[in-house]
Amino acid sequence: MEDYSDVTKYEIELKYKQISQRIRHIRLIKHFTQEQIALSMGFTSATFYTNAENFKSGKHFNLEHIIKISVILDVPIAEFFQDKENQLMTDIIPL
């Protein structure tokens, strides 16, 4: 078994940013506002959601957040982990 303990903090942060960008991309295609998603997730304001989506101040989505966002946006959770930043997802999102 390979040892992956040498994954750097930078590599982890890069993945968080990529996930946030995918969530934003899908959210915009689905015509949801940050506030709509945040309130649907149970937050009282959009502040945390906005910071996490923009990876501001090191804020990021955890697995529970990602699961909820997946349900709200009605997309498979795996979509958030794809490296297809600007590709239209016509196979899962009707245009």
C-alpha atoms as a PDB file:
ATOM      1  CA  MET A   1       0.000   0.000   0.000  1.00  0.00           C
ATOM      2  CA  GLU A   2       1.278   3.434  -0.901  1.00  0.00           C
ATOM      3  CA  ASP A   3       1.848   6.067   1.763  1.00  0.00           C
ATOM      4  CA  TYR A   4      -0.026   9.313   1.143  1.00  0.00           C
ATOM      5  CA  SER A   5       0.916  11.028   4.384  1.00  0.00           C
ATOM      6  CA  ASP A   6       3.022  13.489   2.434  1.00  0.00           C
ATOM      7  CA  VAL A   7      -0.004  15.244   0.881  1.00  0.00           C
ATOM      8  CA  THR A   8       0.744  18.887   1.430  1.00  0.00           C
ATOM      9  CA  LYS A   9      -1.513  21.506   2.970  1.00  0.00           C
ATOM     10  CA  TYR A  10      -1.365  23.328  -0.363  1.00  0.00           C
ATOM     11  CA  GLU A  11      -2.666  20.256  -2.229  1.00  0.00           C
ATOM     12  CA  ILE A  12      -5.545  19.900   0.239  1.00  0.00           C
ATOM     13  CA  GLU A  13      -6.423  23.599  -0.023  1.00  0.00           C
ATOM     14  CA  LEU A  14      -6.320  23.353  -3.808  1.00  0.00           C
ATOM     15  CA  LYS A  15      -8.857  20.507  -3.696  1.00  0.00           C
ATOM     16  CA  TYR A  16     -11.106  22.513  -1.351  1.00  0.00           C
ATOM     17  CA  LYS A  17     -10.974  25.399  -3.835  1.00  0.00           C
ATOM     18  CA  GLN A  18     -11.780  23.110  -6.764  1.00  0.00           C
ATOM     19  CA  ILE A  19     -14.781  21.654  -4.919  1.00  0.00           C
ATOM     20  CA  SER A  20     -16.009  25.151  -4.057  1.00  0.00           C
ATOM     21  CA  GLN A  21     -15.643  26.240  -7.681  1.00  0.00           C
ATOM     22  CA  ARG A  22     -17.627  23.202  -8.875  1.00  0.00           C
ATOM     23  CA  ILE A  23     -20.366  23.907  -6.345  1.00  0.00           C
ATOM     24  CA  ARG A  24     -20.527  27.541  -7.468  1.00  0.00           C
ATOM     25  CA  HIS A  25     -20.585  26.543 -11.147  1.00  0.00           C
ATOM     26  CA  ILE A  26     -23.435  24.080 -10.638  1.00  0.00           C
ATOM     27  CA  ARG A  27     -25.334  26.485  -8.353  1.00  0.00           C
ATOM     28  CA  LEU A  28     -25.225  29.188 -11.021  1.00  0.00           C
ATOM     29  CA  ILE A  29     -26.364  26.809 -13.749  1.00  0.00           C
ATOM     30  CA  LYS A  30     -29.255  25.743 -11.531  1.00  0.00           C
ATOM     31  CA  HIS A  31     -30.149  29.408 -10.840  1.00  0.00           C
ATOM     32  CA  PHE A  32     -29.838  29.268  -7.057  1.00  0.00           C
ATOM     33  CA  THR A  33     -28.513  32.157  -4.986  1.00  0.00           C
ATOM     34  CA  GLN A  34     -26.002  31.637  -2.209  1.00  0.00           C
ATOM     35  CA  GLU A  35     -28.659  32.745   0.244  1.00  0.00           C
ATOM     36  CA  GLN A  36     -31.169  30.172  -1.020  1.00  0.00           C
ATOM     37  CA  ILE A  37     -28.666  27.364  -0.576  1.00  0.00           C
ATOM     38  CA  ALA A  38     -27.520  28.615   2.838  1.00  0.00           C
ATOM     39  CA  LEU A  39     -31.080  28.887   4.179  1.00  0.00           C
ATOM     40  CA  SER A  40     -31.968  25.463   2.755  1.00  0.00           C
ATOM     41  CA  MET A  41     -28.951  24.045   4.593  1.00  0.00           C
ATOM     42  CA  GLY A  42     -30.251  25.473   7.875  1.00  0.00           C
ATOM     43  CA  PHE A  43     -27.979  28.500   8.189  1.00  0.00           C
ATOM     44  CA  THR A  44     -29.612  31.727   9.356  1.00  0.00           C
ATOM     45  CA  SER A  45     -27.628  33.819   6.877  1.00  0.00           C
ATOM     46  CA  ALA A  46     -25.474  33.300   3.813  1.00  0.00           C
ATOM     47  CA  THR A  47     -22.237  34.434   5.480  1.00  0.00           C
ATOM     48  CA  PHE A  48     -20.621  31.045   6.097  1.00  0.00           C
ATOM     49  CA  TYR A  49     -21.845  29.651   2.803  1.00  0.00           C
ATOM     50  CA  THR A  50     -20.479  32.639   0.876  1.00  0.00           C
ATOM     51  CA  ASN A  51     -17.113  32.414   2.654  1.00  0.00           C
ATOM     52  CA  ALA A  52     -16.871  28.663   2.029  1.00  0.00           C
ATOM     53  CA  GLU A  53     -17.848  28.955  -1.633  1.00  0.00           C
ATOM     54  CA  ASN A  54     -15.178  31.637  -2.084  1.00  0.00           C
ATOM     55  CA  PHE A  55     -12.691  29.830   0.203  1.00  0.00           C
ATOM     56  CA  LYS A  56     -12.397  33.102   2.117  1.00  0.00           C
ATOM     57  CA  SER A  57     -10.430  33.075   5.381  1.00  0.00           C
ATOM     58  CA  GLY A  58      -9.786  29.362   4.940  1.00  0.00           C
ATOM     59  CA  LYS A  59     -13.483  28.504   5.267  1.00  0.00           C
ATOM     60  CA  HIS A  60     -14.527  25.409   3.351  1.00  0.00           C
ATOM     61  CA  PHE A  61     -17.370  22.955   3.059  1.00  0.00           C
ATOM     62  CA  ASN A  62     -17.207  19.762   5.092  1.00  0.00           C
ATOM     63  CA  LEU A  63     -18.724  16.442   4.036  1.00  0.00           C
ATOM     64  CA  GLU A  64     -22.077  17.183   5.698  1.00  0.00           C
ATOM     65  CA  HIS A  65     -22.297  20.487   3.817  1.00  0.00           C
ATOM     66  CA  ILE A  66     -21.415  18.813   0.523  1.00  0.00           C
ATOM     67  CA  ILE A  67     -24.062  16.132   1.047  1.00  0.00           C
ATOM     68  CA  LYS A  68     -26.732  18.765   1.769  1.00  0.00           C
ATOM     69  CA  ILE A  69     -25.706  20.879  -1.230  1.00  0.00           C
ATOM     70  CA  SER A  70     -25.847  17.781  -3.433  1.00  0.00           C
ATOM     71  CA  VAL A  71     -29.423  17.116  -2.325  1.00  0.00           C
ATOM     72  CA  ILE A  72     -30.494  20.757  -2.672  1.00  0.00           C
ATOM     73  CA  LEU A  73     -29.015  21.081  -6.167  1.00  0.00           C
ATOM     74  CA  ASP A  74     -30.181  17.580  -7.120  1.00  0.00           C
ATOM     75  CA  VAL A  75     -26.817  16.445  -8.461  1.00  0.00           C
ATOM     76  CA  PRO A  76     -24.700  13.406  -7.613  1.00  0.00           C
ATOM     77  CA  ILE A  77     -22.153  14.234  -4.925  1.00  0.00           C
ATOM     78  CA  ALA A  78     -19.393  12.971  -7.231  1.00  0.00           C
ATOM     79  CA  GLU A  79     -20.001  15.984  -9.506  1.00  0.00           C
ATOM     80  CA  PHE A  80     -18.355  18.215  -6.922  1.00  0.00           C
ATOM     81  CA  PHE A  81     -15.141  16.202  -7.102  1.00  0.00           C
ATOM     82  CA  GLN A  82     -14.758  16.259 -10.892  1.00  0.00           C
ATOM     83  CA  ASP A  83     -12.051  18.365 -12.509  1.00  0.00           C
ATOM     84  CA  LYS A  84     -14.364  19.811 -15.162  1.00  0.00           C
ATOM     85  CA  GLU A  85     -14.400  23.465 -14.114  1.00  0.00           C
ATOM     86  CA  ASN A  86     -16.037  25.051 -17.148  1.00  0.00           C
ATOM     87  CA  GLN A  87     -17.721  22.109 -18.824  1.00  0.00           C
ATOM     88  CA  LEU A  88     -21.496  22.313 -19.149  1.00  0.00           C
ATOM     89  CA  MET A  89     -23.045  19.335 -17.440  1.00  0.00           C
ATOM     90  CA  THR A  90     -25.852  18.680 -19.889  1.00  0.00           C
ATOM     91  CA  ASP A  91     -25.960  15.033 -18.871  1.00  0.00           C
ATOM     92  CA  ILE A  92     -27.138  15.917 -15.341  1.00  0.00           C
ATOM     93  CA  ILE A  93     -28.441  19.453 -15.642  1.00  0.00           C
ATOM     94  CA  PRO A  94     -31.210  20.235 -18.097  1.00  0.00           C
ATOM     95  CA  LEU A  95     -30.565  23.561 -19.816  1.00  0.00           C
END
